[in-house]
Amino acid sequence: EGAAFTAQIEAAHGEACDRCWNYRTSTGVH
C-alpha cells in the first residue's frame, strides 16, 4: 500500500524455464 501507483523493476528470482520462458525458483533438471 502506498500514496500512489508506482512500479520498481528488479531482476527475477530463479532461472528461466526453457519451455515457458518464465523465471522460477523451481527450474532445474527434471
PDB file of all heavy atoms in Angstrom:
ATOM      1  N   GLU A   1       0.843  -1.199   0.000  1.00  0.00           N
ATOM      2  CA  GLU A   1       0.000   0.000   0.000  1.00  0.00           C
ATOM      3  C   GLU A   1       0.875   1.244   0.000  1.00  0.00           C
ATOM      4  O   GLU A   1       1.906   1.293   0.686  1.00  0.00           O
ATOM      5  CB  GLU A   1      -0.911  -0.014   1.224  1.00  0.00           C
ATOM      6  CG  GLU A   1      -1.958   1.083   1.227  1.00  0.00           C
ATOM      7  CD  GLU A   1      -2.905   0.979   2.417  1.00  0.00           C
ATOM      8  OE1 GLU A   1      -3.213  -0.166   2.841  1.00  0.00           O
ATOM      9  OE2 GLU A   1      -3.321   2.047   2.916  1.00  0.00           O
ATOM     10  N   GLY A   2       0.509   2.245  -0.781  1.00  0.00           N
ATOM     11  CA  GLY A   2       1.297   3.465  -0.857  1.00  0.00           C
ATOM     12  C   GLY A   2       0.420   4.655  -1.188  1.00  0.00           C
ATOM     13  O   GLY A   2      -0.816   4.545  -1.277  1.00  0.00           O
ATOM     14  N   ALA A   3       1.071   5.785  -1.405  1.00  0.00           N
ATOM     15  CA  ALA A   3       0.320   7.013  -1.677  1.00  0.00           C
ATOM     16  C   ALA A   3      -0.179   7.071  -3.111  1.00  0.00           C
ATOM     17  O   ALA A   3      -1.154   7.757  -3.410  1.00  0.00           O
ATOM     18  CB  ALA A   3       1.210   8.220  -1.380  1.00  0.00           C
ATOM     19  N   ALA A   4       0.494   6.355  -4.009  1.00  0.00           N
ATOM     20  CA  ALA A   4       0.124   6.397  -5.432  1.00  0.00           C
ATOM     21  C   ALA A   4       0.554   5.088  -6.092  1.00  0.00           C
ATOM     22  O   ALA A   4       1.179   4.226  -5.466  1.00  0.00           O
ATOM     23  CB  ALA A   4       0.808   7.583  -6.114  1.00  0.00           C
ATOM     24  N   PHE A   5       0.166   4.939  -7.385  1.00  0.00           N
ATOM     25  CA  PHE A   5       0.613   3.779  -8.152  1.00  0.00           C
ATOM     26  C   PHE A   5       2.081   3.981  -8.524  1.00  0.00           C
ATOM     27  O   PHE A   5       2.437   4.974  -9.171  1.00  0.00           O
ATOM     28  CB  PHE A   5      -0.220   3.615  -9.427  1.00  0.00           C
ATOM     29  CG  PHE A   5      -1.609   3.102  -9.189  1.00  0.00           C
ATOM     30  CD1 PHE A   5      -2.702   3.957  -9.261  1.00  0.00           C
ATOM     31  CD2 PHE A   5      -1.835   1.765  -8.897  1.00  0.00           C
ATOM     32  CE1 PHE A   5      -3.993   3.488  -9.038  1.00  0.00           C
ATOM     33  CE2 PHE A   5      -3.114   1.279  -8.668  1.00  0.00           C
ATOM     34  CZ  PHE A   5      -4.191   2.143  -8.741  1.00  0.00           C
ATOM     35  N   THR A   6       2.943   3.050  -8.112  1.00  0.00           N
ATOM     36  CA  THR A   6       4.348   3.084  -8.514  1.00  0.00           C
ATOM     37  C   THR A   6       4.798   1.677  -8.872  1.00  0.00           C
ATOM     38  O   THR A   6       4.171   0.687  -8.471  1.00  0.00           O
ATOM     39  CB  THR A   6       5.256   3.616  -7.378  1.00  0.00           C
ATOM     40  OG1 THR A   6       5.226   2.679  -6.282  1.00  0.00           O
ATOM     41  CG2 THR A   6       4.822   4.994  -6.905  1.00  0.00           C
ATOM     42  N   ALA A   7       5.875   1.584  -9.628  1.00  0.00           N
ATOM     43  CA  ALA A   7       6.421   0.276 -10.009  1.00  0.00           C
ATOM     44  C   ALA A   7       7.939   0.361 -10.091  1.00  0.00           C
ATOM     45  O   ALA A   7       8.478   1.249 -10.763  1.00  0.00           O
ATOM     46  CB  ALA A   7       5.840  -0.180 -11.335  1.00  0.00           C
ATOM     47  N   GLN A   8       8.598  -0.569  -9.407  1.00  0.00           N
ATOM     48  CA  GLN A   8      10.060  -0.650  -9.444  1.00  0.00           C
ATOM     49  C   GLN A   8      10.431  -1.997 -10.056  1.00  0.00           C
ATOM     50  O   GLN A   8       9.905  -3.041  -9.657  1.00  0.00           O
ATOM     51  CB  GLN A   8      10.614  -0.524  -8.024  1.00  0.00           C
ATOM     52  CG  GLN A   8      12.127  -0.541  -7.942  1.00  0.00           C
ATOM     53  CD  GLN A   8      12.602  -0.422  -6.506  1.00  0.00           C
ATOM     54  OE1 GLN A   8      11.882   0.076  -5.638  1.00  0.00           O
ATOM     55  NE2 GLN A   8      13.818  -0.880  -6.240  1.00  0.00           N
ATOM     56  N   ILE A   9      11.336  -1.991 -11.020  1.00  0.00           N
ATOM     57  CA  ILE A   9      11.699  -3.200 -11.755  1.00  0.00           C
ATOM     58  C   ILE A   9      12.986  -3.780 -11.192  1.00  0.00           C
ATOM     59  O   ILE A   9      13.984  -3.070 -11.007  1.00  0.00           O
ATOM     60  CB  ILE A   9      11.879  -2.894 -13.260  1.00  0.00           C
ATOM     61  CG1 ILE A   9      10.608  -2.250 -13.821  1.00  0.00           C
ATOM     62  CG2 ILE A   9      12.239  -4.153 -14.035  1.00  0.00           C
ATOM     63  CD1 ILE A   9       9.368  -3.078 -13.678  1.00  0.00           C
ATOM     64  N   GLU A  10      12.968  -5.090 -10.923  1.00  0.00           N
ATOM     65  CA  GLU A  10      14.156  -5.804 -10.465  1.00  0.00           C
ATOM     66  C   GLU A  10      14.328  -7.068 -11.288  1.00  0.00           C
ATOM     67  O   GLU A  10      13.407  -7.503 -11.987  1.00  0.00           O
ATOM     68  CB  GLU A  10      14.020  -6.179  -8.978  1.00  0.00           C
ATOM     69  CG  GLU A  10      13.871  -4.996  -8.038  1.00  0.00           C
ATOM     70  CD  GLU A  10      13.708  -5.431  -6.592  1.00  0.00           C
ATOM     71  OE1 GLU A  10      13.598  -6.664  -6.366  1.00  0.00           O
ATOM     72  OE2 GLU A  10      13.692  -4.565  -5.712  1.00  0.00           O
ATOM     73  N   ALA A  11      15.505  -7.680 -11.161  1.00  0.00           N
ATOM     74  CA  ALA A  11      15.752  -8.949 -11.845  1.00  0.00           C
ATOM     75  C   ALA A  11      14.921 -10.040 -11.178  1.00  0.00           C
ATOM     76  O   ALA A  11      14.774 -10.081  -9.954  1.00  0.00           O
ATOM     77  CB  ALA A  11      17.229  -9.303 -11.797  1.00  0.00           C
ATOM     78  N   ALA A  12      14.379 -10.933 -11.993  1.00  0.00           N
ATOM     79  CA  ALA A  12      13.553 -12.023 -11.477  1.00  0.00           C
ATOM     80  C   ALA A  12      14.387 -12.992 -10.667  1.00  0.00           C
ATOM     81  O   ALA A  12      15.573 -13.199 -10.938  1.00  0.00           O
ATOM     82  CB  ALA A  12      12.877 -12.750 -12.634  1.00  0.00           C
ATOM     83  N   HIS A  13      13.765 -13.597  -9.669  1.00  0.00           N
ATOM     84  CA  HIS A  13      14.417 -14.650  -8.903  1.00  0.00           C
ATOM     85  C   HIS A  13      14.417 -15.939  -9.724  1.00  0.00           C
ATOM     86  O   HIS A  13      13.557 -16.149 -10.573  1.00  0.00           O
ATOM     87  CB  HIS A  13      13.681 -14.882  -7.578  1.00  0.00           C
ATOM     88  CG  HIS A  13      13.785 -13.723  -6.639  1.00  0.00           C
ATOM     89  ND1 HIS A  13      12.868 -13.475  -5.641  1.00  0.00           N
ATOM     90  CD2 HIS A  13      14.714 -12.730  -6.533  1.00  0.00           C
ATOM     91  CE1 HIS A  13      13.220 -12.392  -4.971  1.00  0.00           C
ATOM     92  NE2 HIS A  13      14.332 -11.913  -5.502  1.00  0.00           N
ATOM     93  N   GLY A  14      15.350 -16.835  -9.438  1.00  0.00           N
ATOM     94  CA  GLY A  14      15.385 -18.122 -10.114  1.00  0.00           C
ATOM     95  C   GLY A  14      16.017 -18.039 -11.488  1.00  0.00           C
ATOM     96  O   GLY A  14      16.757 -17.103 -11.806  1.00  0.00           O
ATOM     97  N   GLU A  15      15.716 -19.031 -12.317  1.00  0.00           N
ATOM     98  CA  GLU A  15      16.243 -19.055 -13.682  1.00  0.00           C
ATOM     99  C   GLU A  15      15.113 -19.319 -14.669  1.00  0.00           C
ATOM    100  O   GLU A  15      14.042 -19.775 -14.296  1.00  0.00           O
ATOM    101  CB  GLU A  15      17.347 -20.107 -13.821  1.00  0.00           C
ATOM    102  CG  GLU A  15      16.868 -21.549 -13.610  1.00  0.00           C
ATOM    103  CD  GLU A  15      17.961 -22.570 -13.905  1.00  0.00           C
ATOM    104  OE1 GLU A  15      18.594 -22.444 -14.979  1.00  0.00           O
ATOM    105  OE2 GLU A  15      18.168 -23.482 -13.087  1.00  0.00           O
ATOM    106  N   ALA A  16      15.391 -19.047 -15.949  1.00  0.00           N
ATOM    107  CA  ALA A  16      14.361 -19.165 -16.980  1.00  0.00           C
ATOM    108  C   ALA A  16      14.096 -20.623 -17.323  1.00  0.00           C
ATOM    109  O   ALA A  16      15.021 -21.428 -17.461  1.00  0.00           O
ATOM    110  CB  ALA A  16      14.791 -18.410 -18.228  1.00  0.00           C
ATOM    111  N   CYS A  17      12.828 -20.935 -17.462  1.00  0.00           N
ATOM    112  CA  CYS A  17      12.424 -22.257 -17.952  1.00  0.00           C
ATOM    113  C   CYS A  17      12.570 -22.266 -19.469  1.00  0.00           C
ATOM    114  O   CYS A  17      12.099 -21.346 -20.140  1.00  0.00           O
ATOM    115  CB  CYS A  17      10.989 -22.541 -17.539  1.00  0.00           C
ATOM    116  SG  CYS A  17      10.272 -24.028 -18.304  1.00  0.00           S
ATOM    117  N   ASP A  18      13.226 -23.297 -19.993  1.00  0.00           N
ATOM    118  CA  ASP A  18      13.443 -23.365 -21.441  1.00  0.00           C
ATOM    119  C   ASP A  18      12.135 -23.533 -22.217  1.00  0.00           C
ATOM    120  O   ASP A  18      12.092 -23.258 -23.417  1.00  0.00           O
ATOM    121  CB  ASP A  18      14.371 -24.544 -21.793  1.00  0.00           C
ATOM    122  CG  ASP A  18      15.828 -24.236 -21.472  1.00  0.00           C
ATOM    123  OD1 ASP A  18      16.120 -23.058 -21.242  1.00  0.00           O
ATOM    124  OD2 ASP A  18      16.642 -25.173 -21.433  1.00  0.00           O
ATOM    125  N   ARG A  19      11.095 -23.990 -21.532  1.00  0.00           N
ATOM    126  CA  ARG A  19       9.834 -24.269 -22.234  1.00  0.00           C
ATOM    127  C   ARG A  19       8.876 -23.076 -22.211  1.00  0.00           C
ATOM    128  O   ARG A  19       8.294 -22.709 -23.234  1.00  0.00           O
ATOM    129  CB  ARG A  19       9.152 -25.490 -21.618  1.00  0.00           C
ATOM    130  CG  ARG A  19       7.837 -25.894 -22.302  1.00  0.00           C
ATOM    131  CD  ARG A  19       7.336 -27.242 -21.787  1.00  0.00           C
ATOM    132  NE  ARG A  19       6.084 -27.619 -22.398  1.00  0.00           N
ATOM    133  CZ  ARG A  19       4.879 -27.336 -21.891  1.00  0.00           C
ATOM    134  NH1 ARG A  19       4.777 -26.653 -20.771  1.00  0.00           N
ATOM    135  NH2 ARG A  19       3.790 -27.726 -22.518  1.00  0.00           N
ATOM    136  N   CYS A  20       8.691 -22.464 -21.063  1.00  0.00           N
ATOM    137  CA  CYS A  20       7.703 -21.366 -20.955  1.00  0.00           C
ATOM    138  C   CYS A  20       8.350 -19.985 -20.812  1.00  0.00           C
ATOM    139  O   CYS A  20       7.642 -18.986 -20.830  1.00  0.00           O
ATOM    140  CB  CYS A  20       6.741 -21.615 -19.798  1.00  0.00           C
ATOM    141  SG  CYS A  20       7.505 -21.485 -18.148  1.00  0.00           S
ATOM    142  N   TRP A  21       9.680 -19.942 -20.626  1.00  0.00           N
ATOM    143  CA  TRP A  21      10.454 -18.697 -20.518  1.00  0.00           C
ATOM    144  C   TRP A  21      10.195 -17.935 -19.220  1.00  0.00           C
ATOM    145  O   TRP A  21      10.753 -16.863 -19.024  1.00  0.00           O
ATOM    146  CB  TRP A  21      10.194 -17.763 -21.708  1.00  0.00           C
ATOM    147  CG  TRP A  21      10.548 -18.335 -23.041  1.00  0.00           C
ATOM    148  CD1 TRP A  21      11.224 -19.475 -23.295  1.00  0.00           C
ATOM    149  CD2 TRP A  21      10.240 -17.773 -24.316  1.00  0.00           C
ATOM    150  NE1 TRP A  21      11.356 -19.682 -24.653  1.00  0.00           N
ATOM    151  CE2 TRP A  21      10.745 -18.639 -25.306  1.00  0.00           C
ATOM    152  CE3 TRP A  21       9.574 -16.621 -24.727  1.00  0.00           C
ATOM    153  CZ2 TRP A  21      10.620 -18.404 -26.669  1.00  0.00           C
ATOM    154  CZ3 TRP A  21       9.439 -16.374 -26.071  1.00  0.00           C
ATOM    155  CH2 TRP A  21       9.957 -17.257 -27.039  1.00  0.00           C
ATOM    156  N   ASN A  22       9.348 -18.473 -18.366  1.00  0.00           N
ATOM    157  CA  ASN A  22       9.122 -17.827 -17.079  1.00  0.00           C
ATOM    158  C   ASN A  22      10.291 -18.134 -16.138  1.00  0.00           C
ATOM    159  O   ASN A  22      10.881 -19.219 -16.209  1.00  0.00           O
ATOM    160  CB  ASN A  22       7.822 -18.319 -16.444  1.00  0.00           C
ATOM    161  CG  ASN A  22       6.597 -17.801 -17.174  1.00  0.00           C
ATOM    162  OD1 ASN A  22       6.482 -16.611 -17.427  1.00  0.00           O
ATOM    163  ND2 ASN A  22       5.682 -18.694 -17.513  1.00  0.00           N
ATOM    164  N   TYR A  23      10.579 -17.178 -15.270  1.00  0.00           N
ATOM    165  CA  TYR A  23      11.640 -17.382 -14.281  1.00  0.00           C
ATOM    166  C   TYR A  23      11.022 -17.964 -13.016  1.00  0.00           C
ATOM    167  O   TYR A  23      10.095 -17.401 -12.441  1.00  0.00           O
ATOM    168  CB  TYR A  23      12.342 -16.060 -13.975  1.00  0.00           C
ATOM    169  CG  TYR A  23      13.415 -15.717 -14.985  1.00  0.00           C
ATOM    170  CD1 TYR A  23      13.075 -15.417 -16.298  1.00  0.00           C
ATOM    171  CD2 TYR A  23      14.761 -15.721 -14.636  1.00  0.00           C
ATOM    172  CE1 TYR A  23      14.050 -15.115 -17.242  1.00  0.00           C
ATOM    173  CE2 TYR A  23      15.751 -15.420 -15.568  1.00  0.00           C
ATOM    174  CZ  TYR A  23      15.385 -15.116 -16.871  1.00  0.00           C
ATOM    175  OH  TYR A  23      16.357 -14.832 -17.811  1.00  0.00           O
ATOM    176  N   ARG A  24      11.537 -19.121 -12.607  1.00  0.00           N
ATOM    177  CA  ARG A  24      11.005 -19.818 -11.455  1.00  0.00           C
ATOM    178  C   ARG A  24      12.163 -20.331 -10.603  1.00  0.00           C
ATOM    179  O   ARG A  24      13.197 -20.768 -11.129  1.00  0.00           O
ATOM    180  CB  ARG A  24      10.134 -21.018 -11.885  1.00  0.00           C
ATOM    181  CG  ARG A  24       8.918 -20.623 -12.724  1.00  0.00           C
ATOM    182  CD  ARG A  24       7.826 -20.023 -11.853  1.00  0.00           C
ATOM    183  NE  ARG A  24       6.616 -19.768 -12.625  1.00  0.00           N
ATOM    184  CZ  ARG A  24       6.268 -18.578 -13.107  1.00  0.00           C
ATOM    185  NH1 ARG A  24       7.058 -17.537 -12.918  1.00  0.00           N
ATOM    186  NH2 ARG A  24       5.155 -18.414 -13.775  1.00  0.00           N
ATOM    187  N   THR A  25      11.965 -20.339  -9.288  1.00  0.00           N
ATOM    188  CA  THR A  25      12.986 -20.911  -8.405  1.00  0.00           C
ATOM    189  C   THR A  25      12.973 -22.434  -8.490  1.00  0.00           C
ATOM    190  O   THR A  25      13.929 -23.083  -8.069  1.00  0.00           O
ATOM    191  CB  THR A  25      12.731 -20.475  -6.951  1.00  0.00           C
ATOM    192  OG1 THR A  25      11.388 -20.801  -6.582  1.00  0.00           O
ATOM    193  CG2 THR A  25      12.950 -18.972  -6.801  1.00  0.00           C
ATOM    194  N   SER A  26      11.856 -22.982  -9.067  1.00  0.00           N
ATOM    195  CA  SER A  26      11.762 -24.445  -9.186  1.00  0.00           C
ATOM    196  C   SER A  26      12.413 -24.972 -10.454  1.00  0.00           C
ATOM    197  O   SER A  26      12.458 -26.184 -10.682  1.00  0.00           O
ATOM    198  CB  SER A  26      10.284 -24.867  -9.173  1.00  0.00           C
ATOM    199  OG  SER A  26       9.628 -24.345 -10.325  1.00  0.00           O
ATOM    200  N   THR A  27      12.935 -24.099 -11.300  1.00  0.00           N
ATOM    201  CA  THR A  27      13.510 -24.536 -12.560  1.00  0.00           C
ATOM    202  C   THR A  27      14.813 -25.304 -12.317  1.00  0.00           C
ATOM    203  O   THR A  27      15.669 -24.885 -11.525  1.00  0.00           O
ATOM    204  CB  THR A  27      13.792 -23.325 -13.467  1.00  0.00           C
ATOM    205  OG1 THR A  27      12.565 -22.652 -13.713  1.00  0.00           O
ATOM    206  CG2 THR A  27      14.395 -23.765 -14.795  1.00  0.00           C
ATOM    207  N   GLY A  28      14.941 -26.434 -12.999  1.00  0.00           N
ATOM    208  CA  GLY A  28      16.152 -27.242 -12.859  1.00  0.00           C
ATOM    209  C   GLY A  28      16.064 -28.471 -13.723  1.00  0.00           C
ATOM    210  O   GLY A  28      15.287 -28.532 -14.681  1.00  0.00           O
ATOM    211  N   VAL A  29      16.858 -29.480 -13.387  1.00  0.00           N
ATOM    212  CA  VAL A  29      16.883 -30.717 -14.171  1.00  0.00           C
ATOM    213  C   VAL A  29      15.773 -31.626 -13.664  1.00  0.00           C
ATOM    214  O   VAL A  29      15.698 -31.943 -12.477  1.00  0.00           O
ATOM    215  CB  VAL A  29      18.246 -31.417 -14.053  1.00  0.00           C
ATOM    216  CG1 VAL A  29      18.231 -32.732 -14.835  1.00  0.00           C
ATOM    217  CG2 VAL A  29      19.350 -30.504 -14.551  1.00  0.00           C
ATOM    218  N   HIS A  30      14.869 -32.024 -14.572  1.00  0.00           N
ATOM    219  CA  HIS A  30      13.779 -32.954 -14.254  1.00  0.00           C
ATOM    220  C   HIS A  30      13.905 -34.149 -15.188  1.00  0.00           C
ATOM    221  O   HIS A  30      13.432 -34.111 -16.322  1.00  0.00           O
ATOM    222  CB  HIS A  30      12.409 -32.297 -14.435  1.00  0.00           C
ATOM    223  CG  HIS A  30      12.113 -31.220 -13.443  1.00  0.00           C
ATOM    224  ND1 HIS A  30      12.688 -29.974 -13.504  1.00  0.00           N
ATOM    225  CD2 HIS A  30      11.309 -31.212 -12.327  1.00  0.00           C
ATOM    226  CE1 HIS A  30      12.233 -29.214 -12.504  1.00  0.00           C
ATOM    227  NE2 HIS A  30      11.404 -29.948 -11.775  1.00  0.00           N
TER     228      HIS A  30
END
